[in-house]
N, C-alpha and C. Protein backbone atom coordinates (compact mmCIF):
# COMPACT_ATOMS: atom_id res chain seq x y z
N MET A 1 2.79 -52.19 -42.09
CA MET A 1 3.21 -51.30 -41.01
C MET A 1 4.65 -51.65 -40.59
N ASN A 2 5.54 -50.63 -40.58
CA ASN A 2 6.93 -50.87 -40.23
C ASN A 2 7.10 -51.09 -38.74
N LYS A 3 7.95 -52.05 -38.40
CA LYS A 3 8.25 -52.31 -37.00
C LYS A 3 9.39 -51.40 -36.54
N ASN A 4 9.34 -51.01 -35.30
CA ASN A 4 10.41 -50.20 -34.71
C ASN A 4 11.54 -51.13 -34.29
N THR A 5 12.66 -51.06 -35.03
CA THR A 5 13.78 -51.97 -34.77
C THR A 5 14.89 -51.32 -33.95
N SER A 6 14.66 -50.08 -33.49
CA SER A 6 15.69 -49.39 -32.70
C SER A 6 15.84 -50.07 -31.34
N THR A 7 17.05 -50.00 -30.81
CA THR A 7 17.33 -50.60 -29.51
C THR A 7 16.65 -49.81 -28.41
N PRO A 8 15.86 -50.46 -27.58
CA PRO A 8 15.17 -49.73 -26.51
C PRO A 8 16.15 -49.13 -25.51
N ILE A 9 15.78 -47.97 -24.98
CA ILE A 9 16.61 -47.30 -24.00
C ILE A 9 16.50 -48.02 -22.67
N ARG A 10 17.64 -48.37 -22.11
CA ARG A 10 17.63 -49.06 -20.82
C ARG A 10 17.43 -48.04 -19.71
N ARG A 11 16.57 -48.39 -18.79
CA ARG A 11 16.28 -47.50 -17.68
C ARG A 11 16.85 -48.09 -16.39
N GLY A 12 16.84 -47.25 -15.38
CA GLY A 12 17.32 -47.72 -14.08
C GLY A 12 18.72 -47.24 -13.78
N ARG A 13 19.36 -47.89 -12.84
CA ARG A 13 20.69 -47.48 -12.40
C ARG A 13 21.74 -47.75 -13.46
N PRO A 14 22.83 -46.95 -13.47
CA PRO A 14 23.93 -47.24 -14.39
C PRO A 14 24.60 -48.54 -14.00
N PRO A 15 25.35 -49.15 -14.92
CA PRO A 15 26.00 -50.42 -14.61
C PRO A 15 26.81 -50.35 -13.33
N LYS A 16 26.73 -51.42 -12.55
CA LYS A 16 27.41 -51.45 -11.25
C LYS A 16 28.91 -51.29 -11.41
N ILE A 17 29.49 -51.87 -12.45
CA ILE A 17 30.95 -51.81 -12.61
C ILE A 17 31.42 -50.37 -12.82
N ALA A 18 30.61 -49.56 -13.51
CA ALA A 18 30.97 -48.16 -13.73
C ALA A 18 30.99 -47.41 -12.41
N ARG A 19 30.00 -47.70 -11.57
CA ARG A 19 29.96 -47.05 -10.25
C ARG A 19 31.15 -47.48 -9.41
N GLU A 20 31.48 -48.76 -9.46
CA GLU A 20 32.59 -49.27 -8.66
C GLU A 20 33.91 -48.66 -9.11
N ASN A 21 34.10 -48.51 -10.44
CA ASN A 21 35.31 -47.90 -10.96
C ASN A 21 35.45 -46.47 -10.48
N ALA A 22 34.35 -45.72 -10.57
CA ALA A 22 34.36 -44.32 -10.14
C ALA A 22 34.63 -44.22 -8.64
N ASP A 23 34.01 -45.12 -7.88
CA ASP A 23 34.19 -45.11 -6.43
C ASP A 23 35.64 -45.43 -6.05
N THR A 24 36.24 -46.40 -6.73
CA THR A 24 37.62 -46.78 -6.43
C THR A 24 38.58 -45.66 -6.75
N LYS A 25 38.40 -45.03 -7.89
CA LYS A 25 39.29 -43.92 -8.27
C LYS A 25 39.15 -42.77 -7.28
N ALA A 26 37.91 -42.46 -6.89
CA ALA A 26 37.67 -41.38 -5.93
C ALA A 26 38.31 -41.72 -4.58
N LEU A 27 38.25 -43.00 -4.20
CA LEU A 27 38.85 -43.44 -2.94
C LEU A 27 40.37 -43.26 -2.98
N LEU A 28 40.98 -43.60 -4.10
CA LEU A 28 42.43 -43.44 -4.24
C LEU A 28 42.82 -41.96 -4.17
N ILE A 29 42.03 -41.11 -4.80
CA ILE A 29 42.30 -39.67 -4.76
C ILE A 29 42.17 -39.14 -3.33
N ARG A 30 41.08 -39.52 -2.68
CA ARG A 30 40.83 -39.03 -1.32
C ARG A 30 41.92 -39.51 -0.35
N THR A 31 42.29 -40.78 -0.46
CA THR A 31 43.32 -41.33 0.43
C THR A 31 44.67 -40.67 0.17
N GLY A 32 44.96 -40.44 -1.10
CA GLY A 32 46.21 -39.78 -1.45
C GLY A 32 46.29 -38.37 -0.90
N LEU A 33 45.20 -37.64 -0.99
CA LEU A 33 45.17 -36.27 -0.47
C LEU A 33 45.37 -36.26 1.04
N GLU A 34 44.69 -37.17 1.72
CA GLU A 34 44.82 -37.25 3.18
C GLU A 34 46.25 -37.58 3.59
N THR A 35 46.88 -38.45 2.83
CA THR A 35 48.23 -38.90 3.18
C THR A 35 49.30 -37.87 2.82
N LEU A 36 49.21 -37.31 1.61
CA LEU A 36 50.28 -36.44 1.13
C LEU A 36 50.21 -35.02 1.65
N THR A 37 49.07 -34.61 2.23
CA THR A 37 49.05 -33.31 2.90
C THR A 37 49.74 -33.39 4.26
N GLU A 38 50.00 -34.64 4.68
CA GLU A 38 50.69 -34.84 5.97
C GLU A 38 52.12 -35.31 5.77
N PHE A 39 52.33 -36.21 4.79
CA PHE A 39 53.66 -36.76 4.55
C PHE A 39 54.12 -36.38 3.14
N GLY A 40 55.40 -36.52 2.89
CA GLY A 40 55.95 -36.16 1.59
C GLY A 40 55.60 -37.16 0.50
N PHE A 41 55.65 -36.69 -0.74
CA PHE A 41 55.34 -37.53 -1.89
C PHE A 41 56.42 -38.60 -2.09
N SER A 42 57.66 -38.18 -2.06
CA SER A 42 58.76 -39.12 -2.28
C SER A 42 58.90 -40.11 -1.13
N ALA A 43 58.63 -39.64 0.08
CA ALA A 43 58.80 -40.49 1.26
C ALA A 43 57.66 -41.48 1.45
N THR A 44 56.54 -41.22 0.80
CA THR A 44 55.37 -42.09 0.96
C THR A 44 55.36 -43.15 -0.12
N GLY A 45 55.49 -44.39 0.27
CA GLY A 45 55.44 -45.47 -0.69
C GLY A 45 54.02 -45.70 -1.19
N LEU A 46 53.91 -46.14 -2.41
CA LEU A 46 52.60 -46.41 -2.99
C LEU A 46 51.86 -47.47 -2.20
N ASP A 47 52.61 -48.45 -1.69
CA ASP A 47 51.99 -49.52 -0.91
C ASP A 47 51.29 -48.98 0.34
N THR A 48 51.84 -47.93 0.92
CA THR A 48 51.23 -47.33 2.11
C THR A 48 49.84 -46.79 1.79
N ILE A 49 49.73 -46.09 0.67
CA ILE A 49 48.45 -45.52 0.26
C ILE A 49 47.46 -46.62 -0.10
N LEU A 50 47.94 -47.63 -0.84
CA LEU A 50 47.05 -48.71 -1.27
C LEU A 50 46.54 -49.52 -0.08
N LYS A 51 47.40 -49.73 0.90
CA LYS A 51 46.98 -50.46 2.10
C LYS A 51 45.93 -49.67 2.86
N LYS A 52 46.14 -48.37 2.97
CA LYS A 52 45.18 -47.51 3.67
C LYS A 52 43.84 -47.49 2.96
N ALA A 53 43.88 -47.50 1.63
CA ALA A 53 42.64 -47.46 0.84
C ALA A 53 42.05 -48.85 0.63
N ALA A 54 42.83 -49.89 0.97
CA ALA A 54 42.40 -51.28 0.76
C ALA A 54 42.12 -51.54 -0.72
N VAL A 55 43.05 -51.07 -1.57
CA VAL A 55 42.93 -51.25 -3.01
C VAL A 55 44.16 -52.02 -3.50
N PRO A 56 44.00 -53.10 -4.26
CA PRO A 56 45.15 -53.86 -4.76
C PRO A 56 45.95 -53.06 -5.79
N LYS A 57 47.24 -53.36 -5.88
CA LYS A 57 48.11 -52.60 -6.78
C LYS A 57 47.67 -52.73 -8.23
N GLY A 58 47.16 -53.87 -8.61
CA GLY A 58 46.69 -54.05 -9.97
C GLY A 58 45.57 -53.09 -10.32
N SER A 59 44.70 -52.85 -9.38
CA SER A 59 43.60 -51.91 -9.60
C SER A 59 44.12 -50.48 -9.73
N PHE A 60 45.15 -50.16 -8.96
CA PHE A 60 45.74 -48.81 -9.04
C PHE A 60 46.19 -48.51 -10.46
N TYR A 61 46.90 -49.42 -11.07
CA TYR A 61 47.43 -49.17 -12.41
C TYR A 61 46.35 -49.20 -13.49
N HIS A 62 45.17 -49.59 -13.13
CA HIS A 62 44.04 -49.47 -14.05
C HIS A 62 43.64 -48.00 -14.20
N TYR A 63 43.87 -47.21 -13.16
CA TYR A 63 43.47 -45.80 -13.16
C TYR A 63 44.62 -44.84 -13.42
N PHE A 64 45.82 -45.22 -12.99
CA PHE A 64 46.97 -44.33 -13.11
C PHE A 64 48.16 -45.11 -13.67
N LYS A 65 48.81 -44.58 -14.69
CA LYS A 65 49.89 -45.32 -15.33
C LYS A 65 51.17 -45.35 -14.50
N SER A 66 51.29 -44.41 -13.55
CA SER A 66 52.49 -44.36 -12.72
C SER A 66 52.20 -43.57 -11.45
N LYS A 67 53.14 -43.62 -10.52
CA LYS A 67 52.98 -42.84 -9.29
C LYS A 67 52.96 -41.35 -9.60
N GLU A 68 53.76 -40.93 -10.58
CA GLU A 68 53.78 -39.51 -10.94
C GLU A 68 52.45 -39.07 -11.53
N ALA A 69 51.88 -39.90 -12.40
CA ALA A 69 50.56 -39.58 -12.97
C ALA A 69 49.53 -39.46 -11.86
N TYR A 70 49.66 -40.32 -10.87
CA TYR A 70 48.78 -40.26 -9.70
C TYR A 70 48.99 -38.95 -8.94
N GLY A 71 50.25 -38.58 -8.76
CA GLY A 71 50.56 -37.34 -8.06
C GLY A 71 49.97 -36.13 -8.76
N ILE A 72 50.06 -36.09 -10.07
CA ILE A 72 49.50 -34.96 -10.82
C ILE A 72 47.98 -34.95 -10.70
N ALA A 73 47.37 -36.13 -10.69
CA ALA A 73 45.91 -36.22 -10.50
C ALA A 73 45.52 -35.69 -9.12
N LEU A 74 46.36 -35.95 -8.13
CA LEU A 74 46.11 -35.43 -6.79
C LEU A 74 46.19 -33.91 -6.77
N VAL A 75 47.17 -33.35 -7.48
CA VAL A 75 47.28 -31.90 -7.57
C VAL A 75 46.05 -31.31 -8.25
N ASP A 76 45.59 -31.97 -9.30
CA ASP A 76 44.37 -31.51 -9.99
C ASP A 76 43.19 -31.46 -9.03
N ALA A 77 43.03 -32.53 -8.26
CA ALA A 77 41.90 -32.61 -7.33
C ALA A 77 42.04 -31.56 -6.23
N TYR A 78 43.24 -31.42 -5.69
CA TYR A 78 43.47 -30.45 -4.62
C TYR A 78 43.26 -29.03 -5.15
N ASP A 79 43.72 -28.78 -6.35
CA ASP A 79 43.58 -27.46 -6.95
C ASP A 79 42.11 -27.10 -7.14
N SER A 80 41.31 -28.05 -7.58
CA SER A 80 39.87 -27.80 -7.76
C SER A 80 39.22 -27.44 -6.43
N TYR A 81 39.57 -28.20 -5.39
CA TYR A 81 39.05 -27.91 -4.04
C TYR A 81 39.49 -26.53 -3.58
N PHE A 82 40.75 -26.20 -3.79
CA PHE A 82 41.30 -24.96 -3.26
C PHE A 82 40.76 -23.74 -4.02
N ILE A 83 40.61 -23.88 -5.34
CA ILE A 83 40.04 -22.78 -6.13
C ILE A 83 38.62 -22.49 -5.67
N ALA A 84 37.86 -23.53 -5.38
CA ALA A 84 36.49 -23.34 -4.88
C ALA A 84 36.51 -22.60 -3.55
N LYS A 85 37.48 -22.93 -2.71
CA LYS A 85 37.61 -22.27 -1.41
C LYS A 85 37.98 -20.80 -1.58
N LEU A 86 38.92 -20.52 -2.45
CA LEU A 86 39.32 -19.14 -2.71
C LEU A 86 38.17 -18.33 -3.30
N THR A 87 37.44 -18.94 -4.20
CA THR A 87 36.29 -18.27 -4.80
C THR A 87 35.26 -17.93 -3.73
N HIS A 88 35.03 -18.87 -2.84
CA HIS A 88 34.05 -18.66 -1.77
C HIS A 88 34.43 -17.48 -0.88
N TYR A 89 35.68 -17.43 -0.49
CA TYR A 89 36.10 -16.38 0.46
C TYR A 89 36.47 -15.06 -0.21
N LEU A 90 37.15 -15.11 -1.33
CA LEU A 90 37.71 -13.89 -1.90
C LEU A 90 36.79 -13.18 -2.88
N GLN A 91 35.69 -13.79 -3.25
CA GLN A 91 34.78 -13.15 -4.19
C GLN A 91 33.43 -12.81 -3.57
N GLN A 92 33.40 -12.70 -2.25
CA GLN A 92 32.16 -12.31 -1.57
C GLN A 92 32.00 -10.79 -1.67
N GLU A 93 31.19 -10.36 -2.63
CA GLU A 93 31.07 -8.94 -2.92
C GLU A 93 30.51 -8.13 -1.76
N ASP A 94 29.77 -8.76 -0.86
CA ASP A 94 29.18 -8.04 0.27
C ASP A 94 30.14 -7.93 1.46
N VAL A 95 31.36 -8.44 1.30
CA VAL A 95 32.37 -8.37 2.36
C VAL A 95 33.53 -7.51 1.87
N PRO A 96 34.04 -6.58 2.69
CA PRO A 96 35.20 -5.76 2.29
C PRO A 96 36.37 -6.65 1.87
N PRO A 97 37.11 -6.28 0.82
CA PRO A 97 38.18 -7.14 0.28
C PRO A 97 39.20 -7.63 1.31
N LEU A 98 39.70 -6.73 2.16
CA LEU A 98 40.71 -7.16 3.13
C LEU A 98 40.12 -8.11 4.17
N GLU A 99 38.86 -7.91 4.48
CA GLU A 99 38.19 -8.82 5.42
C GLU A 99 38.05 -10.20 4.80
N ARG A 100 37.89 -10.26 3.49
CA ARG A 100 37.80 -11.55 2.81
C ARG A 100 39.10 -12.33 2.99
N ILE A 101 40.22 -11.63 2.86
CA ILE A 101 41.52 -12.28 3.02
C ILE A 101 41.67 -12.81 4.44
N VAL A 102 41.27 -12.01 5.41
CA VAL A 102 41.32 -12.45 6.80
C VAL A 102 40.44 -13.68 7.01
N ASN A 103 39.25 -13.66 6.44
CA ASN A 103 38.34 -14.79 6.58
C ASN A 103 38.94 -16.06 5.99
N PHE A 104 39.62 -15.91 4.86
CA PHE A 104 40.27 -17.07 4.25
C PHE A 104 41.37 -17.62 5.15
N THR A 105 42.21 -16.73 5.68
CA THR A 105 43.31 -17.20 6.53
C THR A 105 42.79 -17.82 7.82
N GLN A 106 41.70 -17.27 8.37
CA GLN A 106 41.12 -17.84 9.58
C GLN A 106 40.56 -19.23 9.31
N SER A 107 39.99 -19.41 8.14
CA SER A 107 39.47 -20.73 7.76
C SER A 107 40.62 -21.74 7.66
N ALA A 108 41.74 -21.30 7.07
CA ALA A 108 42.90 -22.18 6.94
C ALA A 108 43.47 -22.54 8.31
N ILE A 109 43.52 -21.56 9.20
CA ILE A 109 44.02 -21.81 10.56
C ILE A 109 43.13 -22.83 11.26
N LYS A 110 41.83 -22.67 11.10
CA LYS A 110 40.88 -23.60 11.71
C LYS A 110 41.11 -25.02 11.18
N GLY A 111 41.37 -25.13 9.87
CA GLY A 111 41.61 -26.43 9.28
C GLY A 111 42.88 -27.08 9.80
N MET A 112 43.94 -26.29 9.98
CA MET A 112 45.19 -26.84 10.50
C MET A 112 45.04 -27.28 11.95
N LYS A 113 44.30 -26.50 12.72
CA LYS A 113 44.04 -26.88 14.12
C LYS A 113 43.30 -28.21 14.19
N LYS A 114 42.34 -28.38 13.29
CA LYS A 114 41.51 -29.59 13.29
C LYS A 114 42.36 -30.85 13.18
N TYR A 115 43.43 -30.77 12.40
CA TYR A 115 44.29 -31.94 12.21
C TYR A 115 45.60 -31.81 12.98
N ASP A 116 45.55 -31.03 14.07
CA ASP A 116 46.69 -30.91 14.99
C ASP A 116 47.96 -30.46 14.26
N TYR A 117 47.80 -29.62 13.27
CA TYR A 117 48.92 -29.04 12.51
C TYR A 117 49.77 -30.09 11.80
N LYS A 118 49.20 -31.25 11.55
CA LYS A 118 49.94 -32.30 10.85
C LYS A 118 49.76 -32.19 9.34
N ARG A 119 48.62 -31.69 8.92
CA ARG A 119 48.36 -31.54 7.49
C ARG A 119 48.61 -30.11 7.06
N GLY A 120 49.19 -29.97 5.88
CA GLY A 120 49.44 -28.65 5.34
C GLY A 120 48.86 -28.51 3.96
N CYS A 121 49.56 -27.78 3.12
CA CYS A 121 49.13 -27.57 1.73
C CYS A 121 49.82 -28.59 0.84
N LEU A 122 49.07 -29.33 0.06
CA LEU A 122 49.66 -30.35 -0.81
C LEU A 122 50.67 -29.73 -1.77
N VAL A 123 50.29 -28.62 -2.40
CA VAL A 123 51.18 -27.98 -3.37
C VAL A 123 52.44 -27.47 -2.67
N GLY A 124 52.27 -26.89 -1.48
CA GLY A 124 53.42 -26.44 -0.72
C GLY A 124 54.33 -27.58 -0.31
N ASN A 125 53.74 -28.70 0.10
CA ASN A 125 54.54 -29.88 0.46
C ASN A 125 55.36 -30.37 -0.73
N LEU A 126 54.71 -30.44 -1.88
CA LEU A 126 55.40 -30.92 -3.08
C LEU A 126 56.49 -29.96 -3.51
N ASN A 127 56.30 -28.69 -3.21
CA ASN A 127 57.30 -27.68 -3.55
C ASN A 127 58.62 -27.93 -2.82
N GLN A 128 58.56 -28.68 -1.72
CA GLN A 128 59.77 -29.01 -0.96
C GLN A 128 60.54 -30.18 -1.59
N GLU A 129 59.94 -30.80 -2.62
CA GLU A 129 60.53 -32.01 -3.20
C GLU A 129 60.85 -31.85 -4.68
N LEU A 130 61.13 -30.62 -5.10
CA LEU A 130 61.30 -30.34 -6.53
C LEU A 130 62.41 -31.16 -7.18
N ASN A 131 63.45 -31.48 -6.43
CA ASN A 131 64.57 -32.24 -7.01
C ASN A 131 64.15 -33.63 -7.45
N HIS A 132 63.04 -34.12 -6.91
CA HIS A 132 62.59 -35.47 -7.24
C HIS A 132 61.41 -35.48 -8.22
N LEU A 133 61.01 -34.30 -8.69
CA LEU A 133 59.84 -34.21 -9.56
C LEU A 133 60.23 -33.86 -10.99
N SER A 134 59.43 -34.32 -11.93
CA SER A 134 59.69 -34.05 -13.34
C SER A 134 59.32 -32.62 -13.69
N GLU A 135 59.73 -32.17 -14.87
CA GLU A 135 59.40 -30.82 -15.33
C GLU A 135 57.89 -30.68 -15.51
N GLU A 136 57.24 -31.74 -15.95
CA GLU A 136 55.78 -31.71 -16.10
C GLU A 136 55.11 -31.47 -14.75
N PHE A 137 55.62 -32.13 -13.74
CA PHE A 137 55.06 -31.98 -12.40
C PHE A 137 55.29 -30.56 -11.89
N LYS A 138 56.48 -30.04 -12.09
CA LYS A 138 56.80 -28.68 -11.65
C LYS A 138 55.91 -27.66 -12.35
N THR A 139 55.69 -27.86 -13.63
CA THR A 139 54.83 -26.95 -14.39
C THR A 139 53.41 -26.96 -13.83
N ARG A 140 52.94 -28.15 -13.46
CA ARG A 140 51.58 -28.25 -12.91
C ARG A 140 51.48 -27.52 -11.58
N LEU A 141 52.50 -27.60 -10.75
CA LEU A 141 52.50 -26.89 -9.48
C LEU A 141 52.47 -25.38 -9.70
N MET A 142 53.25 -24.91 -10.67
CA MET A 142 53.29 -23.48 -10.95
C MET A 142 51.95 -22.98 -11.47
N GLN A 143 51.26 -23.81 -12.22
CA GLN A 143 49.92 -23.45 -12.70
C GLN A 143 48.97 -23.21 -11.53
N SER A 144 49.09 -24.03 -10.50
CA SER A 144 48.25 -23.85 -9.31
C SER A 144 48.55 -22.53 -8.63
N TYR A 145 49.83 -22.27 -8.42
CA TYR A 145 50.21 -21.00 -7.77
C TYR A 145 49.71 -19.80 -8.56
N THR A 146 49.84 -19.87 -9.87
CA THR A 146 49.41 -18.75 -10.71
C THR A 146 47.91 -18.51 -10.57
N ALA A 147 47.14 -19.58 -10.57
CA ALA A 147 45.68 -19.46 -10.42
C ALA A 147 45.32 -18.87 -9.06
N TRP A 148 46.01 -19.33 -8.02
CA TRP A 148 45.73 -18.81 -6.67
C TRP A 148 46.10 -17.33 -6.57
N GLN A 149 47.24 -16.97 -7.17
CA GLN A 149 47.66 -15.58 -7.17
C GLN A 149 46.64 -14.69 -7.87
N ASN A 150 46.07 -15.19 -8.93
CA ASN A 150 45.07 -14.40 -9.67
C ASN A 150 43.87 -14.07 -8.80
N HIS A 151 43.47 -15.00 -7.95
CA HIS A 151 42.34 -14.76 -7.05
C HIS A 151 42.67 -13.67 -6.03
N VAL A 152 43.86 -13.73 -5.48
CA VAL A 152 44.27 -12.71 -4.51
C VAL A 152 44.43 -11.36 -5.20
N GLU A 153 45.00 -11.37 -6.39
CA GLU A 153 45.19 -10.12 -7.12
C GLU A 153 43.85 -9.44 -7.41
N LEU A 154 42.86 -10.21 -7.80
CA LEU A 154 41.53 -9.65 -8.07
C LEU A 154 40.97 -9.01 -6.81
N CYS A 155 41.13 -9.67 -5.68
CA CYS A 155 40.65 -9.15 -4.41
C CYS A 155 41.37 -7.85 -4.05
N LEU A 156 42.69 -7.82 -4.25
CA LEU A 156 43.47 -6.63 -3.94
C LEU A 156 43.13 -5.47 -4.88
N ASN A 157 42.84 -5.79 -6.13
CA ASN A 157 42.43 -4.75 -7.08
C ASN A 157 41.14 -4.07 -6.61
N GLN A 158 40.23 -4.87 -6.09
CA GLN A 158 38.98 -4.31 -5.58
C GLN A 158 39.24 -3.45 -4.35
N ALA A 159 40.18 -3.88 -3.52
CA ALA A 159 40.54 -3.08 -2.34
C ALA A 159 41.14 -1.74 -2.76
N LYS A 160 41.96 -1.76 -3.80
CA LYS A 160 42.56 -0.52 -4.29
C LYS A 160 41.49 0.41 -4.86
N GLN A 161 40.56 -0.15 -5.61
CA GLN A 161 39.47 0.65 -6.18
C GLN A 161 38.62 1.30 -5.10
N GLN A 162 38.48 0.61 -3.98
CA GLN A 162 37.68 1.14 -2.87
C GLN A 162 38.49 2.05 -1.94
N GLY A 163 39.79 2.17 -2.22
CA GLY A 163 40.63 3.05 -1.43
C GLY A 163 41.01 2.51 -0.07
N THR A 164 40.95 1.19 0.11
CA THR A 164 41.27 0.61 1.42
C THR A 164 42.72 0.15 1.52
N ILE A 165 43.47 0.20 0.42
CA ILE A 165 44.91 -0.05 0.46
C ILE A 165 45.61 1.09 -0.26
N ALA A 166 46.90 1.23 -0.02
CA ALA A 166 47.67 2.32 -0.61
C ALA A 166 47.61 2.27 -2.14
N SER A 167 47.52 3.44 -2.75
CA SER A 167 47.34 3.52 -4.20
C SER A 167 48.56 3.03 -4.98
N HIS A 168 49.74 3.05 -4.35
CA HIS A 168 50.96 2.66 -5.06
C HIS A 168 51.21 1.15 -5.00
N VAL A 169 50.38 0.40 -4.29
CA VAL A 169 50.59 -1.04 -4.14
C VAL A 169 50.50 -1.75 -5.49
N ASN A 170 51.51 -2.55 -5.80
CA ASN A 170 51.50 -3.38 -7.00
C ASN A 170 50.77 -4.68 -6.65
N THR A 171 49.52 -4.76 -7.03
CA THR A 171 48.69 -5.89 -6.60
C THR A 171 49.16 -7.22 -7.18
N LYS A 172 49.75 -7.19 -8.35
CA LYS A 172 50.25 -8.43 -8.94
C LYS A 172 51.41 -8.99 -8.12
N LEU A 173 52.36 -8.10 -7.79
CA LEU A 173 53.50 -8.55 -7.00
C LEU A 173 53.08 -8.94 -5.58
N MET A 174 52.14 -8.20 -5.01
CA MET A 174 51.70 -8.51 -3.65
C MET A 174 50.93 -9.82 -3.59
N SER A 175 50.22 -10.16 -4.65
CA SER A 175 49.51 -11.45 -4.67
C SER A 175 50.51 -12.60 -4.73
N GLU A 176 51.60 -12.39 -5.46
CA GLU A 176 52.65 -13.41 -5.51
C GLU A 176 53.35 -13.50 -4.15
N TYR A 177 53.61 -12.34 -3.56
CA TYR A 177 54.25 -12.28 -2.24
C TYR A 177 53.39 -12.98 -1.18
N PHE A 178 52.07 -12.82 -1.31
CA PHE A 178 51.18 -13.45 -0.34
C PHE A 178 51.41 -14.95 -0.27
N TRP A 179 51.46 -15.59 -1.43
CA TRP A 179 51.58 -17.06 -1.43
C TRP A 179 52.98 -17.52 -1.07
N ILE A 180 53.99 -16.74 -1.44
CA ILE A 180 55.36 -17.10 -1.03
C ILE A 180 55.45 -17.13 0.49
N GLY A 181 54.92 -16.07 1.12
CA GLY A 181 54.97 -15.99 2.58
C GLY A 181 54.02 -16.95 3.27
N TRP A 182 52.83 -17.12 2.70
CA TRP A 182 51.83 -17.99 3.33
C TRP A 182 52.31 -19.44 3.38
N GLU A 183 52.91 -19.92 2.29
CA GLU A 183 53.38 -21.30 2.29
C GLU A 183 54.47 -21.49 3.34
N GLY A 184 55.32 -20.49 3.53
CA GLY A 184 56.33 -20.57 4.57
C GLY A 184 55.71 -20.59 5.96
N ALA A 185 54.66 -19.79 6.14
CA ALA A 185 53.97 -19.74 7.44
C ALA A 185 53.29 -21.07 7.75
N VAL A 186 52.76 -21.72 6.72
CA VAL A 186 52.12 -23.03 6.91
C VAL A 186 53.16 -24.05 7.37
N MET A 187 54.33 -24.05 6.74
CA MET A 187 55.38 -24.98 7.13
C MET A 187 55.84 -24.73 8.57
N ARG A 188 55.95 -23.45 8.94
CA ARG A 188 56.37 -23.13 10.31
C ARG A 188 55.29 -23.53 11.31
N ALA A 189 54.03 -23.36 10.94
CA ALA A 189 52.93 -23.76 11.83
C ALA A 189 52.96 -25.26 12.09
N LYS A 190 53.29 -26.05 11.06
CA LYS A 190 53.42 -27.49 11.23
C LYS A 190 54.57 -27.83 12.18
N LEU A 191 55.64 -27.07 12.06
CA LEU A 191 56.81 -27.32 12.90
C LEU A 191 56.53 -26.98 14.36
N THR A 192 55.89 -25.84 14.59
CA THR A 192 55.65 -25.37 15.96
C THR A 192 54.33 -25.84 16.55
N LYS A 193 53.49 -26.44 15.69
CA LYS A 193 52.14 -26.85 16.10
C LYS A 193 51.41 -25.67 16.75
N SER A 194 51.45 -24.56 16.05
CA SER A 194 50.86 -23.32 16.56
C SER A 194 50.36 -22.48 15.41
N ASN A 195 49.30 -21.70 15.66
CA ASN A 195 48.79 -20.81 14.61
C ASN A 195 49.52 -19.47 14.58
N THR A 196 50.48 -19.28 15.48
CA THR A 196 51.19 -18.00 15.56
C THR A 196 51.84 -17.59 14.24
N PRO A 197 52.55 -18.47 13.53
CA PRO A 197 53.15 -18.06 12.26
C PRO A 197 52.11 -17.58 11.24
N LEU A 198 50.96 -18.23 11.20
CA LEU A 198 49.91 -17.86 10.25
C LEU A 198 49.28 -16.52 10.62
N THR A 199 49.03 -16.33 11.90
CA THR A 199 48.44 -15.07 12.37
C THR A 199 49.41 -13.91 12.17
N LEU A 200 50.67 -14.13 12.50
CA LEU A 200 51.68 -13.09 12.35
C LEU A 200 51.85 -12.71 10.89
N TYR A 201 51.92 -13.71 10.03
CA TYR A 201 52.09 -13.41 8.60
C TYR A 201 50.91 -12.62 8.07
N THR A 202 49.71 -13.01 8.43
CA THR A 202 48.51 -12.29 7.97
C THR A 202 48.56 -10.83 8.40
N GLU A 203 48.91 -10.59 9.64
CA GLU A 203 48.97 -9.22 10.16
C GLU A 203 50.02 -8.40 9.41
N MET A 204 51.19 -8.97 9.17
CA MET A 204 52.26 -8.24 8.50
C MET A 204 51.92 -7.99 7.03
N PHE A 205 51.26 -8.94 6.40
CA PHE A 205 50.86 -8.76 5.00
C PHE A 205 49.87 -7.60 4.88
N LEU A 206 48.89 -7.56 5.77
CA LEU A 206 47.89 -6.50 5.72
C LEU A 206 48.53 -5.14 6.01
N ARG A 207 49.48 -5.10 6.92
CA ARG A 207 50.17 -3.84 7.21
C ARG A 207 50.92 -3.33 5.98
N ALA A 208 51.54 -4.25 5.26
CA ALA A 208 52.30 -3.87 4.06
C ALA A 208 51.40 -3.24 3.00
N LEU A 209 50.13 -3.61 2.99
CA LEU A 209 49.20 -3.06 2.01
C LEU A 209 48.78 -1.63 2.35
N LEU A 210 48.96 -1.25 3.59
CA LEU A 210 48.47 0.05 4.05
C LEU A 210 49.56 1.12 4.10
N THR A 211 50.81 0.72 3.87
CA THR A 211 51.92 1.68 3.98
C THR A 211 52.51 2.04 2.63
C-alpha cells in the first residue's frame, strides 16, 4: 500500500508576519492620505509621516522604493476610494441624474465640514505641485481625472436621454469642465473655510446644463 507523501495543508491563521506586513503598509497608506489631503506633497517630509504612523524609515523602504513611489501608491488608493464614491452616487438608477450630482457634491461638502475645511482632494492638491513631480506622476494624476470625468459624462448622458438637460450640451466637455471648476471650488473652500464656493459652483454648473 502506497503512503501519501504529499505535504499536509496547514490550517489556521495565516503567518503573523504576513499580517503585520499588510497592516504596516495599510497604515502607511492611511497616514499618507490623512496628511497629504491637508498638506502638500513636497512640503511634507517623509519623517513627518513616519513619525505620525510610528513606522521606522527602514520599514518604509521595504514597501516603497522612494517617496515618489509612495506618492503614486497614495494616488492609487485615493483613486480607488473616489471611484467607489462616484459609482455610489452617480450610478443610482432610481435617482434622477442631476439629483445624483447634487447628492455627490453635498456629500463632499459634508466631508470638508467634518475636517474644518482643512482636507481637500489629494489629486487636486498634487495638481498644485506639478513643477516638482515627474512625468510618470503627472500621467497618473491625469488618469484619475479622466476616470472621474467618465463617471460624470455617463451621468450627463443619461440626463440628456431623459430630456432633463439641453439637447445641445456636449456632455464630454461638460464633464471635463465640472472637474476643472470643482477642484477650484475645493481650494477656495479651504481658503475661506466655507461651503459657499462649493454650493455656488454646483448651482452654476447645473444652470449651464439647462441653457
